[in-house]
C-alpha atoms as a PDB file:
ATOM      1  CA  MET A   1      -6.036 -18.067   4.732  1.00  0.00           C
ATOM      2  CA  THR A   2      -6.368 -15.107   7.076  1.00  0.00           C
ATOM      3  CA  PHE A   3      -3.757 -14.142   9.640  1.00  0.00           C
ATOM      4  CA  GLU A   4      -6.116 -15.357  12.373  1.00  0.00           C
ATOM      5  CA  GLN A   5      -6.412 -18.788  10.727  1.00  0.00           C
ATOM      6  CA  TRP A   6      -2.664 -19.003  10.254  1.00  0.00           C
ATOM      7  CA  ALA A   7      -2.085 -17.856  13.861  1.00  0.00           C
ATOM      8  CA  ALA A   8      -4.499 -20.498  15.171  1.00  0.00           C
ATOM      9  CA  ALA A   9      -2.601 -23.188  13.279  1.00  0.00           C
ATOM     10  CA  HIS A  10       0.830 -21.816  14.276  1.00  0.00           C
ATOM     11  CA  PRO A  11       0.420 -20.063  17.637  1.00  0.00           C
ATOM     12  CA  GLN A  12       4.107 -19.907  18.552  1.00  0.00           C
ATOM     13  CA  ALA A  13       5.126 -18.512  15.168  1.00  0.00           C
ATOM     14  CA  ALA A  14       2.293 -15.962  15.353  1.00  0.00           C
ATOM     15  CA  ALA A  15       3.373 -14.879  18.834  1.00  0.00           C
ATOM     16  CA  ASP A  16       6.990 -14.539  17.685  1.00  0.00           C
ATOM     17  CA  LEU A  17       5.956 -12.538  14.609  1.00  0.00           C
ATOM     18  CA  SER A  18       3.738 -10.253  16.677  1.00  0.00           C
ATOM     19  CA  ARG A  19       6.571  -9.577  19.132  1.00  0.00           C
ATOM     20  CA  VAL A  20       8.897  -8.618  16.299  1.00  0.00           C
ATOM     21  CA  VAL A  21       6.398  -6.459  14.399  1.00  0.00           C
ATOM     22  CA  ASP A  22       4.916  -4.825  17.497  1.00  0.00           C
ATOM     23  CA  THR A  23       8.304  -3.899  18.942  1.00  0.00           C
ATOM     24  CA  VAL A  24      10.022  -2.636  15.810  1.00  0.00           C
ATOM     25  CA  PRO A  25       9.105   0.992  15.177  1.00  0.00           C
ATOM     26  CA  VAL A  26       9.767   2.456  11.777  1.00  0.00           C
ATOM     27  CA  PRO A  27      12.793   4.627  12.505  1.00  0.00           C
ATOM     28  CA  ALA A  28      13.070   8.081  10.989  1.00  0.00           C
ATOM     29  CA  GLY A  29      15.205   7.909   7.888  1.00  0.00           C
ATOM     30  CA  SER A  30      14.246   4.314   7.114  1.00  0.00           C
ATOM     31  CA  SER A  31      13.197   3.380   3.631  1.00  0.00           C
ATOM     32  CA  GLU A  32       9.797   3.343   2.016  1.00  0.00           C
ATOM     33  CA  ALA A  33      10.357  -0.396   1.460  1.00  0.00           C
ATOM     34  CA  ALA A  34      10.727  -0.943   5.222  1.00  0.00           C
ATOM     35  CA  VAL A  35       7.474   0.911   5.903  1.00  0.00           C
ATOM     36  CA  GLN A  36       5.730  -1.035   3.173  1.00  0.00           C
ATOM     37  CA  ALA A  37       6.850  -4.398   4.581  1.00  0.00           C
ATOM     38  CA  LEU A  38       5.575  -3.501   8.053  1.00  0.00           C
ATOM     39  CA  LEU A  39       2.255  -2.242   6.652  1.00  0.00           C
ATOM     40  CA  ARG A  40       1.642  -5.439   4.718  1.00  0.00           C
ATOM     41  CA  VAL A  41       2.193  -7.555   7.841  1.00  0.00           C
ATOM     42  CA  GLU A  42      -0.052  -5.263   9.898  1.00  0.00           C
ATOM     43  CA  ALA A  43      -2.751  -5.344   7.224  1.00  0.00           C
ATOM     44  CA  ALA A  44      -2.817  -9.143   7.282  1.00  0.00           C
ATOM     45  CA  LYS A  45      -3.037  -9.128  11.075  1.00  0.00           C
ATOM     46  CA  ILE A  46      -6.226  -7.042  10.979  1.00  0.00           C
ATOM     47  CA  GLY A  47      -7.878  -8.894   8.097  1.00  0.00           C
ATOM     48  CA  TYR A  48      -6.813  -6.898   5.030  1.00  0.00           C
ATOM     49  CA  CYS A  49      -5.146  -8.237   1.879  1.00  0.00           C
ATOM     50  CA  LEU A  50      -2.683  -5.846   0.239  1.00  0.00           C
ATOM     51  CA  TRP A  51      -0.755  -6.455  -2.956  1.00  0.00           C
ATOM     52  CA  ARG A  52       2.162  -4.531  -4.399  1.00  0.00           C
ATOM     53  CA  ASN A  53       1.087  -2.558  -7.461  1.00  0.00           C
ATOM     54  CA  ASN A  54       4.139  -1.925  -9.604  1.00  0.00           C
ATOM     55  CA  SER A  55       3.592   0.324 -12.592  1.00  0.00           C
ATOM     56  CA  GLY A  56       5.671   1.545 -15.455  1.00  0.00           C
ATOM     57  CA  SER A  57       6.615   0.657 -18.997  1.00  0.00           C
ATOM     58  CA  LEU A  58       9.175  -1.781 -20.362  1.00  0.00           C
ATOM     59  CA  PRO A  59       9.924  -3.012 -23.873  1.00  0.00           C
ATOM     60  CA  ASP A  60       8.720  -6.459 -24.867  1.00  0.00           C
ATOM     61  CA  ALA A  61      10.909  -8.905 -26.842  1.00  0.00           C
ATOM     62  CA  SER A  62      10.344  -6.930 -30.049  1.00  0.00           C
ATOM     63  CA  GLY A  63      11.107  -3.578 -28.393  1.00  0.00           C
ATOM     64  CA  THR A  64       7.493  -2.416 -28.221  1.00  0.00           C
ATOM     65  CA  PRO A  65       6.769  -0.594 -24.940  1.00  0.00           C
ATOM     66  CA  VAL A  66       4.295  -2.405 -22.713  1.00  0.00           C
ATOM     67  CA  ARG A  67       2.642  -0.457 -19.903  1.00  0.00           C
ATOM     68  CA  PHE A  68       1.824  -2.232 -16.644  1.00  0.00           C
ATOM     69  CA  GLY A  69       0.183  -1.330 -13.362  1.00  0.00           C
ATOM     70  CA  LEU A  70      -3.338  -0.416 -12.378  1.00  0.00           C
ATOM     71  CA  GLY A  71      -4.652   2.563 -14.346  1.00  0.00           C
ATOM     72  CA  ASN A  72      -1.433   2.979 -16.314  1.00  0.00           C
ATOM     73  CA  ASP A  73      -3.228   3.047 -19.665  1.00  0.00           C
ATOM     74  CA  SER A  74      -1.170   5.856 -21.171  1.00  0.00           C
ATOM     75  CA  ALA A  75       1.622   8.249 -20.282  1.00  0.00           C
ATOM     76  CA  LYS A  76      -0.843  11.149 -20.461  1.00  0.00           C
ATOM     77  CA  LEU A  77      -3.303   9.509 -18.029  1.00  0.00           C
ATOM     78  CA  ASN A  78      -0.416   8.521 -15.758  1.00  0.00           C
ATOM     79  CA  GLU A  79       0.518  12.202 -15.387  1.00  0.00           C
ATOM     80  CA  ILE A  80      -2.928  12.850 -13.854  1.00  0.00           C
ATOM     81  CA  LEU A  81      -3.737   9.579 -12.047  1.00  0.00           C
ATOM     82  CA  LYS A  82      -0.995   7.418 -10.578  1.00  0.00           C
ATOM     83  CA  SER A  83      -2.121   4.290  -8.776  1.00  0.00           C
ATOM     84  CA  PRO A  84      -0.868   3.631  -5.220  1.00  0.00           C
ATOM     85  CA  ASP A  85       1.898   1.271  -4.130  1.00  0.00           C
ATOM     86  CA  LEU A  86      -0.512  -1.107  -2.414  1.00  0.00           C
ATOM     87  CA  ILE A  87      -3.955  -2.172  -3.601  1.00  0.00           C
ATOM     88  CA  GLY A  88      -6.135  -4.461  -1.567  1.00  0.00           C
ATOM     89  CA  ILE A  89      -9.411  -5.568  -0.115  1.00  0.00           C
ATOM     90  CA  GLY A  90     -10.703  -5.077   3.401  1.00  0.00           C
ATOM     91  CA  PRO A  91     -12.540  -7.709   5.427  1.00  0.00           C
ATOM     92  CA  ASN A  92     -15.774  -5.971   4.457  1.00  0.00           C
ATOM     93  CA  GLY A  93     -14.957  -6.133   0.746  1.00  0.00           C
ATOM     94  CA  ARG A  94     -13.999  -2.463   0.375  1.00  0.00           C
ATOM     95  CA  LEU A  95     -11.214  -1.472  -1.968  1.00  0.00           C
ATOM     96  CA  VAL A  96      -8.078  -0.215  -0.220  1.00  0.00           C
ATOM     97  CA  GLY A  97      -5.323   1.904  -1.767  1.00  0.00           C
ATOM     98  CA  VAL A  98      -2.191   2.925   0.135  1.00  0.00           C
ATOM     99  CA  GLU A  99       0.602   5.092  -1.213  1.00  0.00           C
ATOM    100  CA  VAL A 100       3.587   4.375   1.029  1.00  0.00           C
ATOM    101  CA  LYS A 101       6.120   7.077   1.810  1.00  0.00           C
ATOM    102  CA  ALA A 102       9.247   7.060   3.960  1.00  0.00           C
ATOM    103  CA  PRO A 103       8.972   8.409   7.514  1.00  0.00           C
ATOM    104  CA  GLY A 104       9.159  12.185   7.595  1.00  0.00           C
ATOM    105  CA  TRP A 105       7.197  12.709   4.377  1.00  0.00           C
ATOM    106  CA  LYS A 106       4.492  15.350   4.902  1.00  0.00           C
ATOM    107  CA  LYS A 107       2.256  16.042   1.886  1.00  0.00           C
ATOM    108  CA  PRO A 108       2.120  15.888  -1.918  1.00  0.00           C
ATOM    109  CA  SER A 109       4.632  18.382  -3.267  1.00  0.00           C
ATOM    110  CA  ASN A 110       5.372  17.374  -6.853  1.00  0.00           C
ATOM    111  CA  LYS A 111       3.463  16.282  -9.976  1.00  0.00           C
ATOM    112  CA  ARG A 112       3.915  12.574  -9.236  1.00  0.00           C
ATOM    113  CA  GLU A 113       2.595  12.862  -5.663  1.00  0.00           C
ATOM    114  CA  ILE A 114      -0.318  15.029  -6.822  1.00  0.00           C
ATOM    115  CA  ALA A 115      -1.219  12.355  -9.405  1.00  0.00           C
ATOM    116  CA  GLN A 116      -1.038   9.763  -6.576  1.00  0.00           C
ATOM    117  CA  ALA A 117      -3.322  11.934  -4.421  1.00  0.00           C
ATOM    118  CA  ASN A 118      -5.771  12.171  -7.343  1.00  0.00           C
ATOM    119  CA  PHE A 119      -6.001   8.369  -7.565  1.00  0.00           C
ATOM    120  CA  LEU A 120      -6.420   8.027  -3.793  1.00  0.00           C
ATOM    121  CA  GLY A 121      -9.187  10.639  -3.928  1.00  0.00           C
ATOM    122  CA  LEU A 122     -10.903   8.670  -6.687  1.00  0.00           C
ATOM    123  CA  ILE A 123     -10.924   5.565  -4.473  1.00  0.00           C
ATOM    124  CA  GLN A 124     -12.304   7.548  -1.515  1.00  0.00           C
ATOM    125  CA  ALA A 125     -14.977   9.248  -3.624  1.00  0.00           C
ATOM    126  CA  ARG A 126     -16.346   5.837  -4.566  1.00  0.00           C
ATOM    127  CA  GLY A 127     -16.452   4.453  -1.034  1.00  0.00           C
ATOM    128  CA  GLY A 128     -13.027   2.882  -0.792  1.00  0.00           C
ATOM    129  CA  LEU A 129     -10.355   3.424   1.837  1.00  0.00           C
ATOM    130  CA  ALA A 130      -7.249   5.240   0.660  1.00  0.00           C
ATOM    131  CA  GLY A 131      -4.426   7.489   1.750  1.00  0.00           C
ATOM    132  CA  PHE A 132      -0.740   8.144   2.142  1.00  0.00           C
ATOM    133  CA  ALA A 133       1.048   6.193   4.890  1.00  0.00           C
ATOM    134  CA  THR A 134       4.453   6.654   6.483  1.00  0.00           C
ATOM    135  CA  SER A 135       3.712   4.398   9.470  1.00  0.00           C
ATOM    136  CA  ILE A 136       1.434   1.736  10.872  1.00  0.00           C
ATOM    137  CA  ASP A 137      -0.495   4.504  12.654  1.00  0.00           C
ATOM    138  CA  ASP A 138      -1.186   6.157   9.292  1.00  0.00           C
ATOM    139  CA  TYR A 139      -2.423   2.814   7.920  1.00  0.00           C
ATOM    140  CA  HIS A 140      -4.772   2.415  10.895  1.00  0.00           C
ATOM    141  CA  ARG A 141      -6.103   5.915  10.263  1.00  0.00           C
ATOM    142  CA  ILE A 142      -6.765   5.070   6.602  1.00  0.00           C
ATOM    143  CA  VAL A 143      -8.708   1.872   7.335  1.00  0.00           C
ATOM    144  CA  GLY A 144     -10.313   3.088  10.566  1.00  0.00           C
ATOM    145  CA  ALA A 145      -8.729   0.381  12.725  1.00  0.00           C
END
């Protein structure tokens, strides 16, 4: 179900949600999680589906490390390409990747962020929409909305 379909079925709830989301700016110093939550709501409102893409490695029941997350095939590859926080699909079927950062973040400045930029560049080079976002405005810039 799209946001528009849900809003048509629940107009009062949609209006209330829009008032809350549209009037709550992401304050400087707020968390990456707060930005991410607002971006996911905004994405749904404009027809995009975004899913959280956790990645890492944890031991299974026998103690064997199990890697998880998109593109997290090995520790060596993960040093070069680190998949974004949010992976999704646009209304036109294009792949979307968004690496969310807290307000105030400026540009990749460490190995992890450079590996994230590499993955975002890979998405862009193949026709997808990708970028770093610290705000809803950044997200709009990424998807061209």
